[in-house]
Amino acid sequence: MVENRPLGNLLSHVVLIFGVALVVFPIYVAIIASPHPPGTFLRGVMPLLPGPNALENYRTAWTEGRSRAGTPPISLMLTNSLIMALAITIGKLAISIISAFAIVYFRFPFRIFFFWIIFLTLMLPVEVRIVPTFQVVADLGMLNSYAGLSIPLIASATATFLVRQFFMTVPEELMEAARVDGAGPMKFFRDILLPLSITNIAALFVIMFIYGWNQYLWPLLITTDPEYYTIVMGIQRMVTGGDSEPLWHLVMATVVMAALPPVLVILFMQRLFVKGLTETEK
């Protein structure tokens, strides 16, 4: 029986409300700041209500960016970030699912050894191997390209490990039944494993998409052409570039638009996640 403790419940709610406020307040500041005129923030006073220039500010950020900081329009940078994030996400999922399937369901020599070699790459993130990776990308002529932005970040030991752990929970009776029915490995993979993995794929998609969307150091290193700038790079250049004060109204408008794609992905994949759970229970 759960005891009713009013003081404990009140304290829990206070802590939760404080945590939510701490997370939401920067988002609130960005939304409130984006519709104000350019000179509002030079006075050193942070307004608490929206300004009147919402459409003008968002239109300027979307179509023009900040040319003095060398920043292209937001629409182009959002497109680049979307292409990069989707390429990284789809590539990570495809490689991880196939490699986990091979490790779990195929008996070949040293398969456990190869799995642990993959797992050990967690200790070598892109920041550690950035110099040799850059050299390889440069030698292959992939600087200032979508391939250079995404391919070096595709391999994922984390996703391989998580998918492998799920595959190991699938009852062996399913594999035996599929074998009795004459189903080959790829048919078993396509018709049984993938439908059962919907929830895991949805969760990994969200994690990997946000990982690709938030990349900053790697795009900053390999892109010198503004045509391939990502949105995170653009925000940084809008704050630090140029000889004048940062145009905070455009910066905040850019931040709000940059946050929308990950939020939409989370909302969309949340529905798919719940649907996958329901179908799995059936």
Protein backbone atom coordinates (compact mmCIF):
# COMPACT_ATOMS: atom_id res chain seq x y z
CA MET A 1 0.00 0.00 0.00
CA VAL A 2 1.35 3.43 -0.99
CA GLU A 3 1.29 5.95 1.83
CA ASN A 4 -0.14 9.40 1.25
CA ARG A 5 2.49 11.95 2.28
CA PRO A 6 1.31 15.50 1.47
CA LEU A 7 4.64 17.09 2.36
CA GLY A 8 6.59 14.63 0.20
CA ASN A 9 4.19 15.14 -2.73
CA LEU A 10 4.46 18.93 -2.37
CA LEU A 11 8.26 18.79 -2.32
CA SER A 12 8.32 16.51 -5.39
CA HIS A 13 6.06 18.87 -7.32
CA VAL A 14 8.16 21.90 -6.34
CA VAL A 15 11.34 20.19 -7.57
CA LEU A 16 9.66 19.13 -10.83
CA ILE A 17 8.22 22.60 -11.47
CA PHE A 18 11.61 24.18 -10.79
CA GLY A 19 13.29 21.75 -13.20
CA VAL A 20 10.72 22.43 -15.93
CA ALA A 21 11.07 26.20 -15.44
CA LEU A 22 14.85 25.91 -15.66
CA VAL A 23 14.57 24.09 -18.99
CA VAL A 24 11.76 26.17 -20.49
CA PHE A 25 13.04 29.64 -19.53
CA PRO A 26 15.79 29.86 -22.23
CA ILE A 27 13.22 28.78 -24.84
CA TYR A 28 10.83 31.44 -23.54
CA VAL A 29 13.57 34.07 -23.77
CA ALA A 30 14.33 33.13 -27.39
CA ILE A 31 10.65 33.24 -28.39
CA ILE A 32 10.05 36.56 -26.62
CA ALA A 33 13.23 38.18 -27.95
CA SER A 34 12.79 37.25 -31.60
CA PRO A 35 9.92 39.68 -32.46
CA HIS A 36 11.58 42.84 -31.03
CA PRO A 37 13.22 45.67 -33.03
CA PRO A 38 17.02 45.63 -33.49
CA GLY A 39 17.86 48.23 -30.83
CA THR A 40 15.84 46.72 -28.00
CA PHE A 41 18.66 44.65 -26.50
CA LEU A 42 21.32 47.37 -26.77
CA ARG A 43 19.61 49.14 -23.86
CA GLY A 44 20.48 46.25 -21.55
CA VAL A 45 16.86 45.56 -20.57
CA MET A 46 15.31 42.16 -21.28
CA PRO A 47 11.64 42.51 -22.28
CA LEU A 48 9.19 39.98 -20.89
CA LEU A 49 6.54 40.36 -23.61
CA PRO A 50 6.78 39.81 -27.38
CA GLY A 51 7.53 42.68 -29.72
CA PRO A 52 5.68 43.86 -32.83
CA ASN A 53 8.20 42.82 -35.52
CA ALA A 54 7.71 39.06 -35.59
CA LEU A 55 6.92 38.65 -39.29
CA GLU A 56 9.61 41.09 -40.40
CA ASN A 57 12.34 39.54 -38.24
CA TYR A 58 11.55 35.97 -39.22
CA ARG A 59 11.29 36.91 -42.89
CA THR A 60 14.67 38.66 -42.77
CA ALA A 61 16.33 35.72 -41.03
CA TRP A 62 14.74 33.21 -43.39
CA THR A 63 15.57 34.94 -46.66
CA GLU A 64 18.66 37.05 -45.95
CA GLY A 65 20.47 35.85 -42.81
CA ARG A 66 23.22 38.22 -41.77
CA SER A 67 25.44 39.00 -44.72
CA ARG A 68 27.97 40.98 -42.68
CA ALA A 69 28.75 37.89 -40.63
CA GLY A 70 29.10 35.75 -43.73
CA THR A 71 25.92 33.86 -42.87
CA PRO A 72 23.68 32.59 -45.69
CA PRO A 73 19.88 32.61 -45.37
CA ILE A 74 18.39 30.41 -42.67
CA SER A 75 16.46 28.39 -45.25
CA LEU A 76 19.71 27.16 -46.82
CA MET A 77 21.34 26.32 -43.48
CA LEU A 78 18.24 24.47 -42.28
CA THR A 79 18.25 22.45 -45.49
CA ASN A 80 21.93 21.57 -45.04
CA SER A 81 21.38 20.54 -41.42
CA LEU A 82 18.35 18.46 -42.41
CA ILE A 83 20.25 16.63 -45.15
CA MET A 84 23.20 16.01 -42.83
CA ALA A 85 21.05 14.82 -39.90
CA LEU A 86 18.93 12.49 -42.06
CA ALA A 87 21.99 11.04 -43.82
CA ILE A 88 23.71 10.37 -40.48
CA THR A 89 20.55 8.92 -38.93
CA ILE A 90 19.60 6.63 -41.81
CA GLY A 91 23.20 5.53 -42.28
CA LYS A 92 23.68 4.76 -38.59
CA LEU A 93 20.44 2.79 -38.41
CA ALA A 94 21.12 0.79 -41.58
CA ILE A 95 24.68 -0.15 -40.59
CA SER A 96 23.74 -0.88 -36.96
CA ILE A 97 20.76 -3.09 -37.78
CA ILE A 98 22.65 -5.11 -40.40
CA SER A 99 25.76 -5.52 -38.24
CA ALA A 100 23.72 -6.51 -35.17
CA PHE A 101 21.78 -9.04 -37.27
CA ALA A 102 25.03 -10.57 -38.52
CA ILE A 103 26.57 -10.74 -35.03
CA VAL A 104 23.52 -12.33 -33.38
CA TYR A 105 22.21 -14.73 -36.03
CA PHE A 106 25.27 -15.80 -38.02
CA ARG A 107 27.92 -18.11 -36.59
CA PHE A 108 31.22 -17.01 -38.09
CA PRO A 109 34.71 -17.08 -36.55
CA PHE A 110 35.61 -14.27 -34.14
CA ARG A 111 32.15 -12.69 -34.27
CA ILE A 112 32.26 -11.77 -30.56
CA PHE A 113 35.76 -10.38 -31.05
CA PHE A 114 34.55 -8.18 -33.92
CA PHE A 115 31.60 -7.02 -31.84
CA TRP A 116 33.90 -5.88 -29.04
CA ILE A 117 36.14 -4.14 -31.56
CA ILE A 118 33.08 -2.20 -32.71
CA PHE A 119 32.11 -1.49 -29.12
CA LEU A 120 35.60 -0.21 -28.26
CA THR A 121 35.22 2.53 -30.88
CA LEU A 122 33.06 4.31 -28.29
CA MET A 123 36.37 5.44 -26.81
CA LEU A 124 37.27 7.12 -30.14
CA PRO A 125 34.64 9.81 -30.80
CA VAL A 126 35.10 12.18 -33.72
CA GLU A 127 36.79 14.78 -31.49
CA VAL A 128 39.60 12.31 -30.69
CA ARG A 129 40.20 11.17 -34.27
CA ILE A 130 39.36 14.46 -35.94
CA VAL A 131 42.81 15.09 -37.48
CA PRO A 132 43.20 11.73 -39.31
CA THR A 133 39.52 11.78 -40.24
CA PHE A 134 39.92 15.24 -41.76
CA GLN A 135 42.98 14.06 -43.68
CA VAL A 136 41.07 11.11 -45.13
CA VAL A 137 38.12 13.29 -46.09
CA ALA A 138 40.42 15.85 -47.69
CA ASP A 139 42.32 13.19 -49.65
CA LEU A 140 39.02 11.82 -50.96
CA GLY A 141 37.94 15.29 -52.11
CA MET A 142 34.89 15.41 -49.84
CA LEU A 143 35.49 18.83 -48.28
CA ASN A 144 32.52 21.19 -48.72
CA SER A 145 30.13 18.39 -49.59
CA TYR A 146 27.20 16.56 -48.03
CA ALA A 147 29.19 13.33 -48.19
CA GLY A 148 31.97 14.88 -46.13
CA LEU A 149 29.46 16.18 -43.60
CA SER A 150 27.74 12.86 -43.02
CA ILE A 151 29.79 9.79 -44.00
CA PRO A 152 32.53 10.12 -41.33
CA LEU A 153 29.84 10.26 -38.62
CA ILE A 154 27.72 7.33 -39.79
CA ALA A 155 29.31 4.44 -37.88
CA SER A 156 27.72 3.97 -34.44
CA ALA A 157 28.83 1.46 -31.83
CA THR A 158 26.05 2.61 -29.48
CA ALA A 159 23.27 1.83 -31.94
CA THR A 160 24.87 -1.51 -32.85
CA PHE A 161 25.06 -2.46 -29.18
CA LEU A 162 21.43 -1.48 -28.46
CA VAL A 163 20.06 -3.28 -31.52
CA ARG A 164 22.14 -6.36 -30.70
CA GLN A 165 20.77 -6.41 -27.16
CA PHE A 166 17.22 -6.30 -28.51
CA PHE A 167 17.85 -9.04 -31.07
CA MET A 168 19.16 -11.25 -28.28
CA THR A 169 15.80 -10.96 -26.49
CA VAL A 170 13.86 -12.28 -29.51
CA PRO A 171 12.83 -15.90 -28.76
CA GLU A 172 14.75 -18.50 -30.71
CA GLU A 173 11.44 -20.24 -31.40
CA LEU A 174 10.63 -17.50 -33.91
CA MET A 175 13.79 -18.24 -35.85
CA GLU A 176 13.15 -21.97 -35.72
CA ALA A 177 9.54 -21.51 -36.88
CA ALA A 178 10.68 -19.30 -39.75
CA ARG A 179 13.27 -21.91 -40.73
CA VAL A 180 10.65 -24.68 -40.70
CA ASP A 181 8.41 -22.57 -42.93
CA GLY A 182 11.24 -22.24 -45.42
CA ALA A 183 12.08 -18.62 -44.72
CA GLY A 184 15.67 -17.64 -45.44
CA PRO A 185 17.75 -15.26 -43.33
CA MET A 186 16.72 -12.13 -45.21
CA LYS A 187 13.02 -13.03 -45.15
CA PHE A 188 13.26 -13.66 -41.40
CA PHE A 189 15.03 -10.33 -41.03
CA ARG A 190 12.53 -8.42 -43.17
CA ASP A 191 9.25 -10.01 -42.04
CA ILE A 192 9.93 -10.75 -38.36
CA LEU A 193 12.86 -8.84 -36.90
CA LEU A 194 12.19 -5.44 -38.46
CA PRO A 195 8.50 -5.28 -37.42
CA LEU A 196 9.49 -6.28 -33.89
CA SER A 197 12.17 -3.59 -33.85
CA ILE A 198 9.91 -0.65 -34.64
CA THR A 199 10.04 0.81 -31.14
CA ASN A 200 13.81 0.49 -30.94
CA ILE A 201 14.28 1.99 -34.39
CA ALA A 202 12.00 4.92 -33.49
CA ALA A 203 13.93 5.66 -30.30
CA LEU A 204 17.30 5.38 -32.05
CA PHE A 205 16.04 7.57 -34.90
CA VAL A 206 15.25 10.38 -32.48
CA ILE A 207 18.60 10.08 -30.69
CA MET A 208 20.66 9.90 -33.87
CA PHE A 209 18.74 12.71 -35.59
CA ILE A 210 19.36 15.07 -32.68
CA TYR A 211 23.01 13.95 -32.63
CA GLY A 212 23.39 14.81 -36.32
CA TRP A 213 21.41 18.04 -36.06
CA ASN A 214 23.53 19.40 -33.19
CA GLN A 215 26.91 18.71 -34.81
CA TYR A 216 29.14 21.78 -34.68
CA LEU A 217 32.86 20.94 -34.60
CA TRP A 218 32.95 18.63 -37.62
CA PRO A 219 30.96 20.90 -40.00
CA LEU A 220 33.01 23.88 -38.80
CA LEU A 221 36.22 22.03 -39.73
CA ILE A 222 35.39 20.75 -43.20
CA THR A 223 33.15 23.50 -44.62
CA THR A 224 34.52 26.80 -45.86
CA ASP A 225 31.84 27.34 -48.49
CA PRO A 226 28.77 29.17 -47.08
CA GLU A 227 26.61 26.99 -49.33
CA TYR A 228 27.26 24.07 -46.94
CA TYR A 229 26.95 25.87 -43.59
CA THR A 230 24.70 24.15 -41.07
CA ILE A 231 22.29 25.94 -38.77
CA VAL A 232 24.45 25.49 -35.65
CA MET A 233 27.41 27.04 -37.46
CA GLY A 234 25.16 29.84 -38.64
CA ILE A 235 24.02 30.73 -35.13
CA GLN A 236 27.61 30.90 -33.91
CA ARG A 237 28.65 33.13 -36.83
CA MET A 238 25.68 35.42 -36.33
CA VAL A 239 26.75 35.98 -32.71
CA THR A 240 30.49 36.42 -33.27
CA GLY A 241 30.78 37.58 -36.88
CA GLY A 242 30.87 41.13 -38.14
CA ASP A 243 32.23 44.34 -36.63
CA SER A 244 28.98 45.53 -35.05
CA GLU A 245 26.95 44.28 -32.12
CA PRO A 246 25.13 40.95 -32.65
CA LEU A 247 21.67 41.37 -34.12
CA TRP A 248 19.99 39.53 -31.28
CA HIS A 249 16.52 39.70 -32.77
CA LEU A 250 17.75 37.76 -35.82
CA VAL A 251 19.83 35.42 -33.67
CA MET A 252 16.82 34.55 -31.52
CA ALA A 253 14.59 34.10 -34.56
CA THR A 254 17.21 31.72 -35.97
CA VAL A 255 17.38 29.81 -32.68
CA VAL A 256 13.60 29.34 -32.66
CA MET A 257 13.56 28.08 -36.24
CA ALA A 258 16.55 25.81 -35.56
CA ALA A 259 14.72 24.17 -32.66
CA LEU A 260 11.58 23.36 -34.66
CA PRO A 261 12.83 20.36 -36.75
CA PRO A 262 14.07 18.32 -33.75
CA VAL A 263 10.85 19.09 -31.89
CA LEU A 264 8.76 17.96 -34.87
CA VAL A 265 10.82 14.77 -35.18
CA ILE A 266 10.30 14.00 -31.50
CA LEU A 267 6.54 14.56 -31.75
CA PHE A 268 6.24 12.45 -34.90
CA MET A 269 8.38 9.59 -33.64
CA GLN A 270 6.60 9.62 -30.29
CA ARG A 271 3.38 8.60 -32.03
CA LEU A 272 5.24 5.93 -33.98
CA PHE A 273 6.86 4.74 -30.74
CA VAL A 274 3.48 4.28 -29.04
CA LYS A 275 2.07 2.58 -32.13
CA GLY A 276 5.02 0.20 -32.19
CA LEU A 277 4.50 -0.70 -28.54
CA THR A 278 0.80 -1.42 -29.16
CA GLU A 279 1.48 -3.60 -32.20
CA THR A 280 4.24 -5.49 -30.37
CA GLU A 281 1.87 -6.34 -27.52
CA LYS A 282 -0.70 -7.63 -29.96
